[in-house]
């Protein structure tokens, strides 16, 4: 039986929400092993001079605990 744990991570990107989600997984995988899935819980963005300046995501990352 596998035991899974969920952590919540905030990340951003100047490119896209997809890139922000990838940044969250990339950074989390530096210290968290056995990542199984990522759930994008919330998306937001900041606007500067009428254009999106920064894409932000709040994700839940699920990983297996040994």
C-alpha atoms as a PDB file:
ATOM      1  CA  UNK A   1       0.000   0.000   0.000  1.00  0.00           C
ATOM      2  CA  UNK A   2       1.386   3.393  -1.000  1.00  0.00           C
ATOM      3  CA  UNK A   3       1.116   6.409   1.257  1.00  0.00           C
ATOM      4  CA  UNK A   4       0.766   9.701  -0.604  1.00  0.00           C
ATOM      5  CA  UNK A   5       1.273  13.214   0.701  1.00  0.00           C
ATOM      6  CA  UNK A   6       0.121  16.519  -0.809  1.00  0.00           C
ATOM      7  CA  UNK A   7       1.952  19.832  -0.536  1.00  0.00           C
ATOM      8  CA  UNK A   8       0.830  23.213  -1.796  1.00  0.00           C
ATOM      9  CA  UNK A   9       3.300  25.257  -3.839  1.00  0.00           C
ATOM     10  CA  UNK A  10       3.113  28.751  -5.323  1.00  0.00           C
ATOM     11  CA  UNK A  11       5.127  29.504  -8.462  1.00  0.00           C
ATOM     12  CA  UNK A  12       5.337  32.104 -11.199  1.00  0.00           C
ATOM     13  CA  UNK A  13       6.607  32.666 -14.730  1.00  0.00           C
ATOM     14  CA  UNK A  14       6.837  35.568 -17.133  1.00  0.00           C
ATOM     15  CA  UNK A  15       5.974  33.180 -20.012  1.00  0.00           C
ATOM     16  CA  UNK A  16       2.736  31.262 -19.235  1.00  0.00           C
ATOM     17  CA  UNK A  17       0.680  29.423 -16.616  1.00  0.00           C
ATOM     18  CA  UNK A  18       1.988  26.137 -18.011  1.00  0.00           C
ATOM     19  CA  UNK A  19       5.560  27.340 -17.494  1.00  0.00           C
ATOM     20  CA  UNK A  20       4.684  28.463 -13.953  1.00  0.00           C
ATOM     21  CA  UNK A  21       3.324  24.966 -13.187  1.00  0.00           C
ATOM     22  CA  UNK A  22       6.489  23.411 -14.620  1.00  0.00           C
ATOM     23  CA  UNK A  23       8.576  25.747 -12.444  1.00  0.00           C
ATOM     24  CA  UNK A  24       6.660  24.553  -9.376  1.00  0.00           C
ATOM     25  CA  UNK A  25       7.325  20.895 -10.191  1.00  0.00           C
ATOM     26  CA  UNK A  26      10.972  21.533 -11.114  1.00  0.00           C
ATOM     27  CA  UNK A  27      11.695  23.379  -7.879  1.00  0.00           C
ATOM     28  CA  UNK A  28       9.780  20.899  -5.698  1.00  0.00           C
ATOM     29  CA  UNK A  29      11.572  17.926  -7.294  1.00  0.00           C
ATOM     30  CA  UNK A  30      14.896  19.263  -6.007  1.00  0.00           C
ATOM     31  CA  UNK A  31      13.917  18.198  -2.485  1.00  0.00           C
ATOM     32  CA  UNK A  32      10.782  16.061  -2.916  1.00  0.00           C
ATOM     33  CA  UNK A  33      11.154  12.603  -4.452  1.00  0.00           C
ATOM     34  CA  UNK A  34       8.549  10.327  -6.049  1.00  0.00           C
ATOM     35  CA  UNK A  35       6.268  13.106  -7.352  1.00  0.00           C
ATOM     36  CA  UNK A  36       3.180  11.459  -8.836  1.00  0.00           C
ATOM     37  CA  UNK A  37       0.967  14.343  -9.961  1.00  0.00           C
ATOM     38  CA  UNK A  38       0.345  18.070  -9.952  1.00  0.00           C
ATOM     39  CA  UNK A  39      -3.079  19.721  -9.666  1.00  0.00           C
ATOM     40  CA  UNK A  40      -3.372  23.369 -10.680  1.00  0.00           C
ATOM     41  CA  UNK A  41      -5.591  24.725  -7.933  1.00  0.00           C
ATOM     42  CA  UNK A  42      -5.608  28.407  -8.883  1.00  0.00           C
ATOM     43  CA  UNK A  43      -4.268  30.720 -11.581  1.00  0.00           C
ATOM     44  CA  UNK A  44      -3.711  34.465 -11.429  1.00  0.00           C
ATOM     45  CA  UNK A  45      -1.627  37.115 -13.132  1.00  0.00           C
ATOM     46  CA  UNK A  46      -0.278  40.585 -12.558  1.00  0.00           C
ATOM     47  CA  UNK A  47      -0.755  43.299 -15.174  1.00  0.00           C
ATOM     48  CA  UNK A  48       1.653  46.063 -16.095  1.00  0.00           C
ATOM     49  CA  UNK A  49       0.957  48.714 -18.747  1.00  0.00           C
ATOM     50  CA  UNK A  50      -2.127  46.868 -19.973  1.00  0.00           C
ATOM     51  CA  UNK A  51      -0.332  43.527 -20.506  1.00  0.00           C
ATOM     52  CA  UNK A  52       0.131  40.418 -18.385  1.00  0.00           C
ATOM     53  CA  UNK A  53       3.428  40.812 -16.593  1.00  0.00           C
ATOM     54  CA  UNK A  54       3.616  37.654 -14.463  1.00  0.00           C
ATOM     55  CA  UNK A  55       1.671  34.371 -14.527  1.00  0.00           C
ATOM     56  CA  UNK A  56       1.092  32.773 -11.115  1.00  0.00           C
ATOM     57  CA  UNK A  57      -0.160  29.350 -10.091  1.00  0.00           C
ATOM     58  CA  UNK A  58      -1.092  27.700  -6.833  1.00  0.00           C
ATOM     59  CA  UNK A  59      -0.560  23.953  -7.305  1.00  0.00           C
ATOM     60  CA  UNK A  60      -0.975  20.844  -5.201  1.00  0.00           C
ATOM     61  CA  UNK A  61       1.813  18.318  -5.698  1.00  0.00           C
ATOM     62  CA  UNK A  62       1.225  14.697  -4.732  1.00  0.00           C
ATOM     63  CA  UNK A  63       4.153  12.411  -3.926  1.00  0.00           C
ATOM     64  CA  UNK A  64       4.684   8.955  -2.499  1.00  0.00           C
ATOM     65  CA  UNK A  65       6.127   8.681   1.003  1.00  0.00           C
ATOM     66  CA  UNK A  66       8.566   5.816   1.546  1.00  0.00           C
END
